[in-house]
């Protein structure tokens, strides 16, 4: 099968190795790697985390920040010869919720952009949040529900889906 999958989803828990695995897939593709970052530095610890991640990726990666308009960013950045890595969808959902945005509409717009097809391959990374206990408050339950529905939508569209645990990828689809 020639070339990278057009749409790939990589799920896993926190510190599961999902981002390192995803970066390896993109770096090994031979295409220009573009890191689409959804995280925002609201405190010093997060700023240090972001700086460390950029340093670890190295200069071959171009970084584009997309804390809210992910669908628009993907439409603008996707090109033949580029491979976009979005990290991560759960931070994006959090950003939408904290900004008071219509999460269902934004997720629908993302799904529509991915379903319509983009000019280059896209790999989306996200935290699987549905394996734990039911959260004890409405906001956390809404977050879990939004993320779970988004994951189902993207997994249905994706040609390839992985689940990563303890640094080990399990191919679920493709």
C-alpha atoms as a PDB file:
ATOM      1  CA  UNK A   1       0.000   0.000   0.000  1.00  0.00           C
ATOM      2  CA  UNK A   2       1.805   3.153  -1.154  1.00  0.00           C
ATOM      3  CA  UNK A   3       2.123   6.230   1.028  1.00  0.00           C
ATOM      4  CA  UNK A   4       0.533   7.195   4.318  1.00  0.00           C
ATOM      5  CA  UNK A   5      -3.145   6.718   5.080  1.00  0.00           C
ATOM      6  CA  UNK A   6      -5.181   9.830   4.245  1.00  0.00           C
ATOM      7  CA  UNK A   7      -6.756   9.941   7.719  1.00  0.00           C
ATOM      8  CA  UNK A   8      -5.371   8.231  10.805  1.00  0.00           C
ATOM      9  CA  UNK A   9      -6.581   8.371  14.416  1.00  0.00           C
ATOM     10  CA  UNK A  10      -4.291   7.496  17.324  1.00  0.00           C
ATOM     11  CA  UNK A  11      -5.980   7.079  20.709  1.00  0.00           C
ATOM     12  CA  UNK A  12      -4.490   6.296  24.094  1.00  0.00           C
ATOM     13  CA  UNK A  13      -4.345   7.329  27.706  1.00  0.00           C
ATOM     14  CA  UNK A  14      -2.210  10.048  29.225  1.00  0.00           C
ATOM     15  CA  UNK A  15       1.503   9.195  28.895  1.00  0.00           C
ATOM     16  CA  UNK A  16       0.662   6.102  26.867  1.00  0.00           C
ATOM     17  CA  UNK A  17       3.197   6.882  24.129  1.00  0.00           C
ATOM     18  CA  UNK A  18       0.564   7.877  21.579  1.00  0.00           C
ATOM     19  CA  UNK A  19       2.208  11.151  20.536  1.00  0.00           C
ATOM     20  CA  UNK A  20       5.665   9.593  20.117  1.00  0.00           C
ATOM     21  CA  UNK A  21       4.101   6.803  18.059  1.00  0.00           C
ATOM     22  CA  UNK A  22       2.188   9.326  15.918  1.00  0.00           C
ATOM     23  CA  UNK A  23       5.286  11.478  15.402  1.00  0.00           C
ATOM     24  CA  UNK A  24       7.164   8.384  14.245  1.00  0.00           C
ATOM     25  CA  UNK A  25       4.479   7.591  11.676  1.00  0.00           C
ATOM     26  CA  UNK A  26       4.577  11.139  10.306  1.00  0.00           C
ATOM     27  CA  UNK A  27       8.377  11.422  10.364  1.00  0.00           C
ATOM     28  CA  UNK A  28       8.721   8.098   8.538  1.00  0.00           C
ATOM     29  CA  UNK A  29       6.375   9.159   5.744  1.00  0.00           C
ATOM     30  CA  UNK A  30       8.935  11.223   3.829  1.00  0.00           C
ATOM     31  CA  UNK A  31       6.493  14.146   3.744  1.00  0.00           C
ATOM     32  CA  UNK A  32       7.011  17.569   5.332  1.00  0.00           C
ATOM     33  CA  UNK A  33       5.798  17.241   8.940  1.00  0.00           C
ATOM     34  CA  UNK A  34       3.417  19.888  10.284  1.00  0.00           C
ATOM     35  CA  UNK A  35       2.464  19.768  13.958  1.00  0.00           C
ATOM     36  CA  UNK A  36      -0.979  21.286  14.542  1.00  0.00           C
ATOM     37  CA  UNK A  37      -0.974  22.138  18.242  1.00  0.00           C
ATOM     38  CA  UNK A  38      -4.253  22.618  20.065  1.00  0.00           C
ATOM     39  CA  UNK A  39      -2.760  23.213  23.518  1.00  0.00           C
ATOM     40  CA  UNK A  40      -2.467  26.656  25.040  1.00  0.00           C
ATOM     41  CA  UNK A  41       0.008  27.784  27.702  1.00  0.00           C
ATOM     42  CA  UNK A  42      -2.233  29.103  30.467  1.00  0.00           C
ATOM     43  CA  UNK A  43       0.473  28.631  33.111  1.00  0.00           C
ATOM     44  CA  UNK A  44       4.244  28.223  33.442  1.00  0.00           C
ATOM     45  CA  UNK A  45       4.095  24.430  33.649  1.00  0.00           C
ATOM     46  CA  UNK A  46       2.173  24.160  30.380  1.00  0.00           C
ATOM     47  CA  UNK A  47       4.487  26.685  28.701  1.00  0.00           C
ATOM     48  CA  UNK A  48       7.468  24.541  29.726  1.00  0.00           C
ATOM     49  CA  UNK A  49       5.716  21.408  28.429  1.00  0.00           C
ATOM     50  CA  UNK A  50       5.037  23.036  25.061  1.00  0.00           C
ATOM     51  CA  UNK A  51       8.636  24.273  24.791  1.00  0.00           C
ATOM     52  CA  UNK A  52       9.972  20.791  25.625  1.00  0.00           C
ATOM     53  CA  UNK A  53       7.728  19.155  23.007  1.00  0.00           C
ATOM     54  CA  UNK A  54       8.866  21.640  20.328  1.00  0.00           C
ATOM     55  CA  UNK A  55      12.498  21.048  21.230  1.00  0.00           C
ATOM     56  CA  UNK A  56      12.056  17.263  21.188  1.00  0.00           C
ATOM     57  CA  UNK A  57      10.470  17.370  17.705  1.00  0.00           C
ATOM     58  CA  UNK A  58      13.341  19.401  16.282  1.00  0.00           C
ATOM     59  CA  UNK A  59      13.575  21.866  13.412  1.00  0.00           C
ATOM     60  CA  UNK A  60      12.182  19.559  10.708  1.00  0.00           C
ATOM     61  CA  UNK A  61       8.694  20.105  12.138  1.00  0.00           C
ATOM     62  CA  UNK A  62       6.721  23.261  11.454  1.00  0.00           C
ATOM     63  CA  UNK A  63       4.248  24.106  14.213  1.00  0.00           C
ATOM     64  CA  UNK A  64       0.849  25.698  13.650  1.00  0.00           C
ATOM     65  CA  UNK A  65      -1.308  26.648  16.628  1.00  0.00           C
ATOM     66  CA  UNK A  66      -5.019  25.871  16.356  1.00  0.00           C
ATOM     67  CA  UNK A  67      -6.680  26.099  19.764  1.00  0.00           C
ATOM     68  CA  UNK A  68     -10.191  26.707  18.365  1.00  0.00           C
ATOM     69  CA  UNK A  69     -10.549  26.729  14.553  1.00  0.00           C
ATOM     70  CA  UNK A  70      -9.239  23.258  13.857  1.00  0.00           C
ATOM     71  CA  UNK A  71     -11.331  22.598  10.734  1.00  0.00           C
ATOM     72  CA  UNK A  72     -10.256  25.906   9.177  1.00  0.00           C
ATOM     73  CA  UNK A  73      -6.624  25.307  10.051  1.00  0.00           C
ATOM     74  CA  UNK A  74      -6.652  21.854   8.467  1.00  0.00           C
ATOM     75  CA  UNK A  75      -8.241  23.186   5.285  1.00  0.00           C
ATOM     76  CA  UNK A  76      -5.567  25.918   5.083  1.00  0.00           C
ATOM     77  CA  UNK A  77      -2.552  23.778   5.980  1.00  0.00           C
ATOM     78  CA  UNK A  78      -3.266  20.502   4.184  1.00  0.00           C
ATOM     79  CA  UNK A  79      -1.270  20.248   0.969  1.00  0.00           C
ATOM     80  CA  UNK A  80       0.233  17.516  -1.141  1.00  0.00           C
ATOM     81  CA  UNK A  81       3.714  16.861   0.240  1.00  0.00           C
ATOM     82  CA  UNK A  82       2.731  17.718   3.831  1.00  0.00           C
ATOM     83  CA  UNK A  83       1.606  15.430   6.633  1.00  0.00           C
ATOM     84  CA  UNK A  84      -0.423  17.131   9.379  1.00  0.00           C
ATOM     85  CA  UNK A  85      -0.327  15.775  12.927  1.00  0.00           C
ATOM     86  CA  UNK A  86      -3.022  17.199  15.218  1.00  0.00           C
ATOM     87  CA  UNK A  87      -2.197  16.899  18.915  1.00  0.00           C
ATOM     88  CA  UNK A  88      -4.611  16.660  20.539  1.00  0.00           C
ATOM     89  CA  UNK A  89      -8.366  16.489  20.083  1.00  0.00           C
ATOM     90  CA  UNK A  90      -9.180  16.358  23.791  1.00  0.00           C
ATOM     91  CA  UNK A  91      -7.316  19.619  24.433  1.00  0.00           C
ATOM     92  CA  UNK A  92      -9.248  21.098  21.521  1.00  0.00           C
ATOM     93  CA  UNK A  93     -12.580  19.968  23.026  1.00  0.00           C
ATOM     94  CA  UNK A  94     -11.509  21.494  26.354  1.00  0.00           C
ATOM     95  CA  UNK A  95     -10.644  24.785  24.623  1.00  0.00           C
ATOM     96  CA  UNK A  96     -14.038  24.855  22.916  1.00  0.00           C
ATOM     97  CA  UNK A  97     -15.871  24.205  26.169  1.00  0.00           C
ATOM     98  CA  UNK A  98     -13.882  26.825  28.086  1.00  0.00           C
ATOM     99  CA  UNK A  99     -14.496  29.397  25.322  1.00  0.00           C
ATOM    100  CA  UNK A 100     -18.247  28.737  25.439  1.00  0.00           C
ATOM    101  CA  UNK A 101     -18.296  27.506  21.842  1.00  0.00           C
ATOM    102  CA  UNK A 102     -20.889  25.109  20.438  1.00  0.00           C
ATOM    103  CA  UNK A 103     -18.853  21.905  20.736  1.00  0.00           C
ATOM    104  CA  UNK A 104     -21.253  19.780  18.705  1.00  0.00           C
ATOM    105  CA  UNK A 105     -21.219  22.288  15.834  1.00  0.00           C
ATOM    106  CA  UNK A 106     -17.405  22.588  15.906  1.00  0.00           C
ATOM    107  CA  UNK A 107     -17.001  18.803  15.969  1.00  0.00           C
ATOM    108  CA  UNK A 108     -19.474  18.579  13.101  1.00  0.00           C
ATOM    109  CA  UNK A 109     -17.440  21.114  11.116  1.00  0.00           C
ATOM    110  CA  UNK A 110     -14.276  19.108  11.750  1.00  0.00           C
ATOM    111  CA  UNK A 111     -15.966  15.890  10.690  1.00  0.00           C
ATOM    112  CA  UNK A 112     -17.298  17.567   7.532  1.00  0.00           C
ATOM    113  CA  UNK A 113     -13.844  18.903   6.626  1.00  0.00           C
ATOM    114  CA  UNK A 114     -12.291  15.462   7.107  1.00  0.00           C
ATOM    115  CA  UNK A 115     -15.080  13.704   5.221  1.00  0.00           C
ATOM    116  CA  UNK A 116     -14.794  16.137   2.296  1.00  0.00           C
ATOM    117  CA  UNK A 117     -11.124  15.240   2.083  1.00  0.00           C
ATOM    118  CA  UNK A 118      -8.033  17.356   2.458  1.00  0.00           C
ATOM    119  CA  UNK A 119      -5.133  17.819   0.068  1.00  0.00           C
ATOM    120  CA  UNK A 120      -2.724  15.803   2.212  1.00  0.00           C
ATOM    121  CA  UNK A 121      -2.745  13.166   4.941  1.00  0.00           C
ATOM    122  CA  UNK A 122      -3.826  13.994   8.493  1.00  0.00           C
ATOM    123  CA  UNK A 123      -3.134  12.107  11.718  1.00  0.00           C
ATOM    124  CA  UNK A 124      -5.191  13.043  14.788  1.00  0.00           C
ATOM    125  CA  UNK A 125      -4.070  12.191  18.328  1.00  0.00           C
ATOM    126  CA  UNK A 126      -6.488  12.077  21.235  1.00  0.00           C
ATOM    127  CA  UNK A 127      -6.857  10.844  24.786  1.00  0.00           C
ATOM    128  CA  UNK A 128      -9.303   7.990  25.197  1.00  0.00           C
ATOM    129  CA  UNK A 129     -11.373   9.212  28.145  1.00  0.00           C
ATOM    130  CA  UNK A 130     -14.150   6.650  28.211  1.00  0.00           C
ATOM    131  CA  UNK A 131     -12.370   3.825  30.004  1.00  0.00           C
ATOM    132  CA  UNK A 132     -12.576   5.193  33.545  1.00  0.00           C
ATOM    133  CA  UNK A 133     -15.323   5.820  36.035  1.00  0.00           C
ATOM    134  CA  UNK A 134     -18.275   8.084  35.282  1.00  0.00           C
ATOM    135  CA  UNK A 135     -17.200  11.628  36.233  1.00  0.00           C
ATOM    136  CA  UNK A 136     -18.847  13.164  39.295  1.00  0.00           C
ATOM    137  CA  UNK A 137     -19.828  16.497  37.736  1.00  0.00           C
ATOM    138  CA  UNK A 138     -21.811  17.703  34.730  1.00  0.00           C
ATOM    139  CA  UNK A 139     -18.927  19.508  33.000  1.00  0.00           C
ATOM    140  CA  UNK A 140     -16.636  16.483  33.179  1.00  0.00           C
ATOM    141  CA  UNK A 141     -19.426  14.216  31.932  1.00  0.00           C
ATOM    142  CA  UNK A 142     -20.132  16.605  29.043  1.00  0.00           C
ATOM    143  CA  UNK A 143     -16.413  16.620  28.181  1.00  0.00           C
ATOM    144  CA  UNK A 144     -16.270  12.825  28.191  1.00  0.00           C
ATOM    145  CA  UNK A 145     -19.403  12.628  26.056  1.00  0.00           C
ATOM    146  CA  UNK A 146     -18.164  15.200  23.510  1.00  0.00           C
ATOM    147  CA  UNK A 147     -14.793  13.444  23.229  1.00  0.00           C
ATOM    148  CA  UNK A 148     -16.373  10.011  22.895  1.00  0.00           C
ATOM    149  CA  UNK A 149     -18.748  11.104  20.140  1.00  0.00           C
ATOM    150  CA  UNK A 150     -15.922  12.903  18.310  1.00  0.00           C
ATOM    151  CA  UNK A 151     -13.729   9.804  18.496  1.00  0.00           C
ATOM    152  CA  UNK A 152     -16.524   7.660  17.048  1.00  0.00           C
ATOM    153  CA  UNK A 153     -17.056  10.121  14.187  1.00  0.00           C
ATOM    154  CA  UNK A 154     -13.378  10.305  13.297  1.00  0.00           C
ATOM    155  CA  UNK A 155     -12.803   6.568  13.705  1.00  0.00           C
ATOM    156  CA  UNK A 156     -15.627   5.937  11.230  1.00  0.00           C
ATOM    157  CA  UNK A 157     -13.984   8.288   8.699  1.00  0.00           C
ATOM    158  CA  UNK A 158     -10.388   7.168   9.274  1.00  0.00           C
ATOM    159  CA  UNK A 159      -8.710   4.553   7.162  1.00  0.00           C
ATOM    160  CA  UNK A 160      -6.453   3.617  10.065  1.00  0.00           C
ATOM    161  CA  UNK A 161      -7.040   3.714  13.826  1.00  0.00           C
ATOM    162  CA  UNK A 162      -4.540   2.785  16.549  1.00  0.00           C
ATOM    163  CA  UNK A 163      -4.874   2.452  20.306  1.00  0.00           C
ATOM    164  CA  UNK A 164      -1.619   2.929  22.229  1.00  0.00           C
ATOM    165  CA  UNK A 165      -0.981   1.638  25.760  1.00  0.00           C
ATOM    166  CA  UNK A 166       2.399   1.422  27.522  1.00  0.00           C
ATOM    167  CA  UNK A 167       4.067   2.576  24.298  1.00  0.00           C
ATOM    168  CA  UNK A 168       2.647  -0.337  22.344  1.00  0.00           C
ATOM    169  CA  UNK A 169       0.334   0.382  19.399  1.00  0.00           C
ATOM    170  CA  UNK A 170      -2.631  -1.846  18.678  1.00  0.00           C
ATOM    171  CA  UNK A 171      -4.000  -1.434  15.172  1.00  0.00           C
ATOM    172  CA  UNK A 172      -7.767  -1.362  15.475  1.00  0.00           C
ATOM    173  CA  UNK A 173      -8.685  -0.486  11.883  1.00  0.00           C
ATOM    174  CA  UNK A 174      -6.976  -0.492   8.516  1.00  0.00           C
END
